[in-house]
Amino acid sequence: MCRAFKLSAILFLFLSLFTLQAQARPLQLCTHGGFEPYVIQEKNSLTGIDIEIVLAILNNLKQPAEIKAYPWKRLISLIENGECDMGFSLFDTDERRDFARYLFTVPIHYSTFSVFVRRSNPLKFNRISDFFNLRIAHNRGFALSVGFEQAIADGKIKRMQFDNAKSAIKMLESGRIDAIIDNEARFRYYLKKHNKLGEIKSLNIPFMPHQPAFLVLSRKSDMPDIDEIRRRFETELKTLHLNGTILAISNKYLN
């Protein structure tokens, strides 16, 4: 009996140590690489609006974590299969709800999508039909409006997709496309950085204003206490909005 007790005690200790080790692993966060100014990737360094917001949350919660950036398709795949516990920043779609749990309490940022054209282009945008018979490019992986998608399906608009702003601008300058739909802050940041604001303009009426983008949890995450982590993240994100931290971070990059 004494031997059995010792064996049980050793087993209990082993299981306890295993549980503590499992709980101690860093939270794995994934984001979209190169989505400036929200995620700025330079070699092994990540900065930007969303990165600073997430780092502020992790720091305030004293939560160990690793943040890595990936191309869009890879990012979605990692969240879907649970290799990433959390991902950012995603628009809300029915398809993504199948594998991601959204932190809906507060978006990490809002995106306004604008139409960009060469300054010599007289195009004006008021409705989707203004794009009929044109070649329109947008960032791969973005979920745009139902009307836009229907016009593409009907063959009234030719869609082209790109992975980075540099390739989009090359297509526009070479005449392969007529216009670009992209995040206003992201594309203007790139145009300013590369002295292109004098050649390319955004149209006055935005394509989609104030679209919320969110932090999400993978439904397949095996992180211990993931529900408690979610609750704490939502609470801290709300606090950062209310105390002006997120506005200060955004202004640092956008102004």
C-alpha atoms as a PDB file:
ATOM      1  CA  MET A   1       0.000   0.000   0.000  1.00  0.00           C
ATOM      2  CA  CYS A   2       2.882   2.296   0.866  1.00  0.00           C
ATOM      3  CA  ARG A   3       4.443   1.531  -2.479  1.00  0.00           C
ATOM      4  CA  ALA A   4       1.161   2.256  -4.253  1.00  0.00           C
ATOM      5  CA  PHE A   5       0.874   5.578  -2.376  1.00  0.00           C
ATOM      6  CA  LYS A   6       4.389   6.596  -3.410  1.00  0.00           C
ATOM      7  CA  LEU A   7       3.658   5.666  -7.015  1.00  0.00           C
ATOM      8  CA  SER A   8       0.454   7.724  -6.935  1.00  0.00           C
ATOM      9  CA  ALA A   9       2.308  10.673  -5.419  1.00  0.00           C
ATOM     10  CA  ILE A  10       4.997  10.518  -8.089  1.00  0.00           C
ATOM     11  CA  LEU A  11       2.357  10.276 -10.830  1.00  0.00           C
ATOM     12  CA  PHE A  12       0.474  13.247  -9.340  1.00  0.00           C
ATOM     13  CA  LEU A  13       3.669  15.303  -9.236  1.00  0.00           C
ATOM     14  CA  PHE A  14       4.477  14.396 -12.833  1.00  0.00           C
ATOM     15  CA  LEU A  15       0.997  15.337 -14.026  1.00  0.00           C
ATOM     16  CA  SER A  16       1.145  18.607 -12.073  1.00  0.00           C
ATOM     17  CA  LEU A  17       4.482  19.539 -13.603  1.00  0.00           C
ATOM     18  CA  PHE A  18       3.175  18.591 -17.058  1.00  0.00           C
ATOM     19  CA  THR A  19       0.115  20.813 -16.559  1.00  0.00           C
ATOM     20  CA  LEU A  20       2.213  23.760 -15.392  1.00  0.00           C
ATOM     21  CA  GLN A  21       4.533  23.332 -18.362  1.00  0.00           C
ATOM     22  CA  ALA A  22       1.595  23.204 -20.747  1.00  0.00           C
ATOM     23  CA  GLN A  23       0.095  26.338 -19.226  1.00  0.00           C
ATOM     24  CA  ALA A  24       3.419  28.144 -19.414  1.00  0.00           C
ATOM     25  CA  ARG A  25       3.762  27.924 -23.193  1.00  0.00           C
ATOM     26  CA  PRO A  26       3.613  31.286 -24.965  1.00  0.00           C
ATOM     27  CA  LEU A  27       0.409  32.355 -26.652  1.00  0.00           C
ATOM     28  CA  GLN A  28       0.891  32.042 -30.414  1.00  0.00           C
ATOM     29  CA  LEU A  29      -0.326  35.099 -32.347  1.00  0.00           C
ATOM     30  CA  CYS A  30      -0.306  35.413 -36.129  1.00  0.00           C
ATOM     31  CA  THR A  31      -0.839  38.404 -38.372  1.00  0.00           C
ATOM     32  CA  HIS A  32      -0.660  39.450 -42.010  1.00  0.00           C
ATOM     33  CA  GLY A  33       2.915  40.413 -42.927  1.00  0.00           C
ATOM     34  CA  GLY A  34       3.565  43.741 -44.601  1.00  0.00           C
ATOM     35  CA  PHE A  35       0.144  45.316 -44.062  1.00  0.00           C
ATOM     36  CA  GLU A  36       1.568  48.775 -43.433  1.00  0.00           C
ATOM     37  CA  PRO A  37       1.034  50.837 -41.329  1.00  0.00           C
ATOM     38  CA  TYR A  38      -0.876  48.266 -39.246  1.00  0.00           C
ATOM     39  CA  VAL A  39       1.857  45.643 -39.539  1.00  0.00           C
ATOM     40  CA  ILE A  40       5.285  46.760 -40.711  1.00  0.00           C
ATOM     41  CA  GLN A  41       7.716  43.926 -41.287  1.00  0.00           C
ATOM     42  CA  GLU A  42      11.424  44.701 -41.635  1.00  0.00           C
ATOM     43  CA  LYS A  43      13.583  41.571 -41.588  1.00  0.00           C
ATOM     44  CA  ASN A  44      12.797  39.948 -38.216  1.00  0.00           C
ATOM     45  CA  SER A  45      11.234  43.067 -36.704  1.00  0.00           C
ATOM     46  CA  LEU A  46       7.500  43.800 -36.480  1.00  0.00           C
ATOM     47  CA  THR A  47       6.082  47.246 -35.740  1.00  0.00           C
ATOM     48  CA  GLY A  48       2.927  49.127 -36.700  1.00  0.00           C
ATOM     49  CA  ILE A  49      -0.461  50.128 -35.301  1.00  0.00           C
ATOM     50  CA  ASP A  50      -1.875  46.651 -34.698  1.00  0.00           C
ATOM     51  CA  ILE A  51       1.439  45.315 -33.415  1.00  0.00           C
ATOM     52  CA  GLU A  52       1.750  48.100 -30.836  1.00  0.00           C
ATOM     53  CA  ILE A  53      -1.841  47.600 -29.701  1.00  0.00           C
ATOM     54  CA  VAL A  54      -1.357  43.853 -29.239  1.00  0.00           C
ATOM     55  CA  LEU A  55       1.977  44.396 -27.459  1.00  0.00           C
ATOM     56  CA  ALA A  56       0.305  46.859 -25.084  1.00  0.00           C
ATOM     57  CA  ILE A  57      -2.345  44.255 -24.248  1.00  0.00           C
ATOM     58  CA  LEU A  58       0.245  41.517 -23.695  1.00  0.00           C
ATOM     59  CA  ASN A  59       2.389  43.801 -21.560  1.00  0.00           C
ATOM     60  CA  ASN A  60      -0.513  44.926 -19.366  1.00  0.00           C
ATOM     61  CA  LEU A  61      -1.696  41.331 -18.938  1.00  0.00           C
ATOM     62  CA  LYS A  62       1.861  40.019 -18.443  1.00  0.00           C
ATOM     63  CA  GLN A  63       0.981  37.335 -20.988  1.00  0.00           C
ATOM     64  CA  PRO A  64       3.939  35.504 -22.618  1.00  0.00           C
ATOM     65  CA  ALA A  65       3.447  35.360 -26.371  1.00  0.00           C
ATOM     66  CA  GLU A  66       5.076  35.043 -29.767  1.00  0.00           C
ATOM     67  CA  ILE A  67       3.916  37.149 -32.724  1.00  0.00           C
ATOM     68  CA  LYS A  68       4.710  36.047 -36.261  1.00  0.00           C
ATOM     69  CA  ALA A  69       3.679  37.461 -39.637  1.00  0.00           C
ATOM     70  CA  TYR A  70       2.635  35.397 -42.656  1.00  0.00           C
ATOM     71  CA  PRO A  71       1.205  35.820 -46.161  1.00  0.00           C
ATOM     72  CA  TRP A  72      -2.597  36.006 -46.120  1.00  0.00           C
ATOM     73  CA  LYS A  73      -3.422  32.435 -47.198  1.00  0.00           C
ATOM     74  CA  ARG A  74      -0.929  30.996 -44.733  1.00  0.00           C
ATOM     75  CA  LEU A  75      -2.320  33.183 -41.935  1.00  0.00           C
ATOM     76  CA  ILE A  76      -5.864  31.923 -42.515  1.00  0.00           C
ATOM     77  CA  SER A  77      -4.663  28.317 -42.693  1.00  0.00           C
ATOM     78  CA  LEU A  78      -2.756  28.583 -39.393  1.00  0.00           C
ATOM     79  CA  ILE A  79      -5.763  30.021 -37.589  1.00  0.00           C
ATOM     80  CA  GLU A  80      -8.038  27.400 -39.132  1.00  0.00           C
ATOM     81  CA  ASN A  81      -5.908  24.430 -38.050  1.00  0.00           C
ATOM     82  CA  GLY A  82      -5.088  25.803 -34.591  1.00  0.00           C
ATOM     83  CA  GLU A  83      -1.351  26.361 -35.048  1.00  0.00           C
ATOM     84  CA  CYS A  84      -2.056  29.982 -34.135  1.00  0.00           C
ATOM     85  CA  ASP A  85      -4.078  30.579 -30.978  1.00  0.00           C
ATOM     86  CA  MET A  86      -5.018  34.099 -32.066  1.00  0.00           C
ATOM     87  CA  GLY A  87      -4.900  36.046 -35.318  1.00  0.00           C
ATOM     88  CA  PHE A  88      -5.328  39.667 -36.386  1.00  0.00           C
ATOM     89  CA  SER A  89      -6.819  41.578 -38.016  1.00  0.00           C
ATOM     90  CA  LEU A  90      -9.773  39.935 -39.767  1.00  0.00           C
ATOM     91  CA  PHE A  91     -13.056  41.213 -41.157  1.00  0.00           C
ATOM     92  CA  ASP A  92     -16.128  39.297 -40.063  1.00  0.00           C
ATOM     93  CA  THR A  93     -17.479  36.763 -42.567  1.00  0.00           C
ATOM     94  CA  ASP A  94     -19.728  33.709 -42.159  1.00  0.00           C
ATOM     95  CA  GLU A  95     -17.018  31.484 -43.615  1.00  0.00           C
ATOM     96  CA  ARG A  96     -14.406  32.627 -41.086  1.00  0.00           C
ATOM     97  CA  ARG A  97     -16.776  32.159 -38.159  1.00  0.00           C
ATOM     98  CA  ASP A  98     -16.550  28.423 -38.828  1.00  0.00           C
ATOM     99  CA  PHE A  99     -12.931  28.353 -37.612  1.00  0.00           C
ATOM    100  CA  ALA A 100     -12.490  31.662 -35.729  1.00  0.00           C
ATOM    101  CA  ARG A 101     -14.087  33.147 -32.614  1.00  0.00           C
ATOM    102  CA  TYR A 102     -14.216  36.926 -32.928  1.00  0.00           C
ATOM    103  CA  LEU A 103     -13.477  39.372 -30.132  1.00  0.00           C
ATOM    104  CA  PHE A 104     -16.442  41.497 -31.125  1.00  0.00           C
ATOM    105  CA  THR A 105     -16.489  43.771 -28.045  1.00  0.00           C
ATOM    106  CA  VAL A 106     -14.046  46.257 -29.635  1.00  0.00           C
ATOM    107  CA  PRO A 107     -12.398  46.137 -33.093  1.00  0.00           C
ATOM    108  CA  ILE A 108      -8.616  46.436 -33.159  1.00  0.00           C
ATOM    109  CA  HIS A 109      -9.024  49.046 -35.909  1.00  0.00           C
ATOM    110  CA  TYR A 110     -11.446  50.368 -38.521  1.00  0.00           C
ATOM    111  CA  SER A 111     -10.615  50.313 -42.232  1.00  0.00           C
ATOM    112  CA  THR A 112     -11.903  52.638 -44.916  1.00  0.00           C
ATOM    113  CA  PHE A 113     -11.516  51.246 -48.426  1.00  0.00           C
ATOM    114  CA  SER A 114     -10.949  53.782 -51.173  1.00  0.00           C
ATOM    115  CA  VAL A 115     -10.588  53.715 -54.943  1.00  0.00           C
ATOM    116  CA  PHE A 116      -7.140  54.710 -56.233  1.00  0.00           C
ATOM    117  CA  VAL A 117      -6.470  55.785 -59.818  1.00  0.00           C
ATOM    118  CA  ARG A 118      -3.812  57.612 -61.799  1.00  0.00           C
ATOM    119  CA  ARG A 119      -4.308  61.391 -61.504  1.00  0.00           C
ATOM    120  CA  SER A 120      -4.995  61.627 -65.245  1.00  0.00           C
ATOM    121  CA  ASN A 121      -7.909  59.178 -64.944  1.00  0.00           C
ATOM    122  CA  PRO A 122     -11.315  61.002 -64.961  1.00  0.00           C
ATOM    123  CA  LEU A 123     -13.116  58.049 -63.274  1.00  0.00           C
ATOM    124  CA  LYS A 124     -15.693  58.975 -60.655  1.00  0.00           C
ATOM    125  CA  PHE A 125     -17.228  56.483 -58.241  1.00  0.00           C
ATOM    126  CA  ASN A 126     -20.793  56.668 -56.946  1.00  0.00           C
ATOM    127  CA  ARG A 127     -22.095  53.134 -57.520  1.00  0.00           C
ATOM    128  CA  ILE A 128     -20.843  49.684 -58.516  1.00  0.00           C
ATOM    129  CA  SER A 129     -22.002  50.192 -62.114  1.00  0.00           C
ATOM    130  CA  ASP A 130     -19.299  52.876 -62.481  1.00  0.00           C
ATOM    131  CA  PHE A 131     -16.813  49.969 -62.525  1.00  0.00           C
ATOM    132  CA  PHE A 132     -18.532  48.045 -65.333  1.00  0.00           C
ATOM    133  CA  ASN A 133     -16.144  47.026 -68.146  1.00  0.00           C
ATOM    134  CA  LEU A 134     -13.134  48.068 -66.041  1.00  0.00           C
ATOM    135  CA  ARG A 135     -10.235  46.070 -64.577  1.00  0.00           C
ATOM    136  CA  ILE A 136     -10.239  46.515 -60.811  1.00  0.00           C
ATOM    137  CA  ALA A 137      -7.540  45.186 -58.477  1.00  0.00           C
ATOM    138  CA  HIS A 138      -7.700  44.564 -54.745  1.00  0.00           C
ATOM    139  CA  ASN A 139      -5.606  42.876 -52.091  1.00  0.00           C
ATOM    140  CA  ARG A 140      -5.835  39.103 -52.090  1.00  0.00           C
ATOM    141  CA  GLY A 141      -7.994  37.737 -49.277  1.00  0.00           C
ATOM    142  CA  PHE A 142     -10.123  40.842 -48.742  1.00  0.00           C
ATOM    143  CA  ALA A 143     -13.876  40.363 -48.477  1.00  0.00           C
ATOM    144  CA  LEU A 144     -15.506  43.199 -50.427  1.00  0.00           C
ATOM    145  CA  SER A 145     -19.145  44.150 -50.979  1.00  0.00           C
ATOM    146  CA  VAL A 146     -21.856  41.752 -52.176  1.00  0.00           C
ATOM    147  CA  GLY A 147     -22.660  43.996 -55.138  1.00  0.00           C
ATOM    148  CA  PHE A 148     -19.031  44.088 -56.247  1.00  0.00           C
ATOM    149  CA  GLU A 149     -18.715  40.291 -56.024  1.00  0.00           C
ATOM    150  CA  GLN A 150     -21.957  39.818 -57.972  1.00  0.00           C
ATOM    151  CA  ALA A 151     -20.789  42.151 -60.741  1.00  0.00           C
ATOM    152  CA  ILE A 152     -17.584  40.102 -61.035  1.00  0.00           C
ATOM    153  CA  ALA A 153     -19.565  36.846 -61.131  1.00  0.00           C
ATOM    154  CA  ASP A 154     -21.766  38.329 -63.895  1.00  0.00           C
ATOM    155  CA  GLY A 155     -18.668  39.240 -65.927  1.00  0.00           C
ATOM    156  CA  LYS A 156     -19.312  42.981 -65.710  1.00  0.00           C
ATOM    157  CA  ILE A 157     -16.073  43.732 -63.834  1.00  0.00           C
ATOM    158  CA  LYS A 158     -12.700  42.066 -64.354  1.00  0.00           C
ATOM    159  CA  ARG A 159     -11.031  41.372 -61.008  1.00  0.00           C
ATOM    160  CA  MET A 160      -7.265  41.204 -60.476  1.00  0.00           C
ATOM    161  CA  GLN A 161      -5.677  40.505 -57.079  1.00  0.00           C
ATOM    162  CA  PHE A 162      -2.329  41.454 -55.589  1.00  0.00           C
ATOM    163  CA  ASP A 163      -0.266  40.561 -52.537  1.00  0.00           C
ATOM    164  CA  ASN A 164       1.495  43.892 -51.981  1.00  0.00           C
ATOM    165  CA  ALA A 165       1.106  47.549 -52.866  1.00  0.00           C
ATOM    166  CA  LYS A 166       4.230  47.559 -55.030  1.00  0.00           C
ATOM    167  CA  SER A 167       2.808  45.066 -57.511  1.00  0.00           C
ATOM    168  CA  ALA A 168      -0.541  46.918 -57.538  1.00  0.00           C
ATOM    169  CA  ILE A 169       1.118  50.200 -58.453  1.00  0.00           C
ATOM    170  CA  LYS A 170       3.111  48.506 -61.222  1.00  0.00           C
ATOM    171  CA  MET A 171      -0.129  47.173 -62.713  1.00  0.00           C
ATOM    172  CA  LEU A 172      -1.739  50.607 -62.496  1.00  0.00           C
ATOM    173  CA  GLU A 173       1.211  52.452 -64.020  1.00  0.00           C
ATOM    174  CA  SER A 174       1.549  49.942 -66.859  1.00  0.00           C
ATOM    175  CA  GLY A 175      -2.149  50.187 -67.737  1.00  0.00           C
ATOM    176  CA  ARG A 176      -2.952  46.562 -66.855  1.00  0.00           C
ATOM    177  CA  ILE A 177      -5.667  47.763 -64.471  1.00  0.00           C
ATOM    178  CA  ASP A 178      -7.904  50.830 -64.302  1.00  0.00           C
ATOM    179  CA  ALA A 179      -8.230  51.221 -60.541  1.00  0.00           C
ATOM    180  CA  ILE A 180      -7.195  49.802 -57.168  1.00  0.00           C
ATOM    181  CA  ILE A 181      -9.449  49.270 -54.157  1.00  0.00           C
ATOM    182  CA  ASP A 182      -7.451  49.182 -50.961  1.00  0.00           C
ATOM    183  CA  ASN A 183      -7.318  50.239 -47.333  1.00  0.00           C
ATOM    184  CA  GLU A 184      -6.996  54.037 -47.396  1.00  0.00           C
ATOM    185  CA  ALA A 185      -4.442  54.274 -44.583  1.00  0.00           C
ATOM    186  CA  ARG A 186      -2.336  51.388 -45.865  1.00  0.00           C
ATOM    187  CA  PHE A 187      -2.191  52.561 -49.486  1.00  0.00           C
ATOM    188  CA  ARG A 188      -1.594  56.215 -48.640  1.00  0.00           C
ATOM    189  CA  TYR A 189       1.187  55.167 -46.281  1.00  0.00           C
ATOM    190  CA  TYR A 190       2.859  53.308 -49.136  1.00  0.00           C
ATOM    191  CA  LEU A 191       2.333  56.117 -51.667  1.00  0.00           C
ATOM    192  CA  LYS A 192       3.818  58.680 -49.287  1.00  0.00           C
ATOM    193  CA  LYS A 193       6.762  56.434 -48.434  1.00  0.00           C
ATOM    194  CA  HIS A 194       7.592  55.965 -52.128  1.00  0.00           C
ATOM    195  CA  ASN A 195       6.824  59.510 -53.340  1.00  0.00           C
ATOM    196  CA  LYS A 196       3.818  58.443 -55.419  1.00  0.00           C
ATOM    197  CA  LEU A 197       1.176  60.830 -54.053  1.00  0.00           C
ATOM    198  CA  GLY A 198       1.739  63.182 -56.977  1.00  0.00           C
ATOM    199  CA  GLU A 199       0.931  60.427 -59.497  1.00  0.00           C
ATOM    200  CA  ILE A 200      -1.890  58.472 -57.837  1.00  0.00           C
ATOM    201  CA  LYS A 201      -4.991  59.795 -56.061  1.00  0.00           C
ATOM    202  CA  SER A 202      -7.933  58.379 -54.133  1.00  0.00           C
ATOM    203  CA  LEU A 203     -11.465  59.242 -55.249  1.00  0.00           C
ATOM    204  CA  ASN A 204     -13.605  61.426 -53.001  1.00  0.00           C
ATOM    205  CA  ILE A 205     -16.263  58.826 -52.217  1.00  0.00           C
ATOM    206  CA  PRO A 206     -14.898  55.766 -50.375  1.00  0.00           C
ATOM    207  CA  PHE A 207     -15.753  52.296 -51.611  1.00  0.00           C
ATOM    208  CA  MET A 208     -16.421  50.945 -48.087  1.00  0.00           C
ATOM    209  CA  PRO A 209     -16.141  53.285 -45.068  1.00  0.00           C
ATOM    210  CA  HIS A 210     -15.313  52.252 -41.497  1.00  0.00           C
ATOM    211  CA  GLN A 211     -15.108  48.472 -41.777  1.00  0.00           C
ATOM    212  CA  PRO A 212     -14.219  46.930 -38.378  1.00  0.00           C
ATOM    213  CA  ALA A 213     -11.293  44.492 -38.190  1.00  0.00           C
ATOM    214  CA  PHE A 214     -10.949  42.149 -35.229  1.00  0.00           C
ATOM    215  CA  LEU A 215      -8.745  39.922 -33.156  1.00  0.00           C
ATOM    216  CA  VAL A 216      -9.873  36.296 -33.434  1.00  0.00           C
ATOM    217  CA  LEU A 217      -9.314  33.046 -31.535  1.00  0.00           C
ATOM    218  CA  SER A 218      -8.775  29.786 -33.374  1.00  0.00           C
ATOM    219  CA  ARG A 219     -11.542  27.299 -32.585  1.00  0.00           C
ATOM    220  CA  LYS A 220      -8.865  24.587 -32.604  1.00  0.00           C
ATOM    221  CA  SER A 221      -6.486  26.288 -30.174  1.00  0.00           C
ATOM    222  CA  ASP A 222      -5.313  23.958 -27.410  1.00  0.00           C
ATOM    223  CA  MET A 223      -4.050  26.825 -25.255  1.00  0.00           C
ATOM    224  CA  PRO A 224      -5.037  26.243 -21.601  1.00  0.00           C
ATOM    225  CA  ASP A 225      -7.571  28.744 -20.209  1.00  0.00           C
ATOM    226  CA  ILE A 226      -8.185  30.174 -23.695  1.00  0.00           C
ATOM    227  CA  ASP A 227     -11.643  31.444 -22.663  1.00  0.00           C
ATOM    228  CA  GLU A 228     -10.145  33.379 -19.767  1.00  0.00           C
ATOM    229  CA  ILE A 229      -7.459  34.776 -22.090  1.00  0.00           C
ATOM    230  CA  ARG A 230     -10.202  35.897 -24.453  1.00  0.00           C
ATOM    231  CA  ARG A 231     -12.087  37.657 -21.658  1.00  0.00           C
ATOM    232  CA  ARG A 232      -8.951  39.445 -20.458  1.00  0.00           C
ATOM    233  CA  PHE A 233      -7.998  40.486 -23.997  1.00  0.00           C
ATOM    234  CA  GLU A 234     -11.447  41.962 -24.616  1.00  0.00           C
ATOM    235  CA  THR A 235     -11.385  43.853 -21.329  1.00  0.00           C
ATOM    236  CA  GLU A 236      -7.909  45.258 -21.980  1.00  0.00           C
ATOM    237  CA  LEU A 237      -8.688  46.187 -25.584  1.00  0.00           C
ATOM    238  CA  LYS A 238     -11.742  48.129 -24.405  1.00  0.00           C
ATOM    239  CA  THR A 239      -9.610  49.911 -21.783  1.00  0.00           C
ATOM    240  CA  LEU A 240      -7.024  50.906 -24.387  1.00  0.00           C
ATOM    241  CA  HIS A 241      -9.780  52.432 -26.526  1.00  0.00           C
ATOM    242  CA  LEU A 242     -11.317  54.341 -23.632  1.00  0.00           C
ATOM    243  CA  ASN A 243      -8.072  55.740 -22.212  1.00  0.00           C
ATOM    244  CA  GLY A 244      -6.855  57.042 -25.598  1.00  0.00           C
ATOM    245  CA  THR A 245      -3.919  54.647 -26.028  1.00  0.00           C
ATOM    246  CA  ILE A 246      -5.162  53.259 -29.348  1.00  0.00           C
ATOM    247  CA  LEU A 247      -5.844  56.740 -30.730  1.00  0.00           C
ATOM    248  CA  ALA A 248      -2.319  57.838 -29.740  1.00  0.00           C
ATOM    249  CA  ILE A 249      -0.779  54.776 -31.408  1.00  0.00           C
ATOM    250  CA  SER A 250      -2.797  55.319 -34.596  1.00  0.00           C
ATOM    251  CA  ASN A 251      -1.947  59.014 -34.804  1.00  0.00           C
ATOM    252  CA  LYS A 252       1.766  58.235 -34.489  1.00  0.00           C
ATOM    253  CA  TYR A 253       1.641  56.301 -37.778  1.00  0.00           C
ATOM    254  CA  LEU A 254      -1.146  58.029 -39.695  1.00  0.00           C
ATOM    255  CA  ASN A 255      -0.144  61.656 -39.023  1.00  0.00           C
END
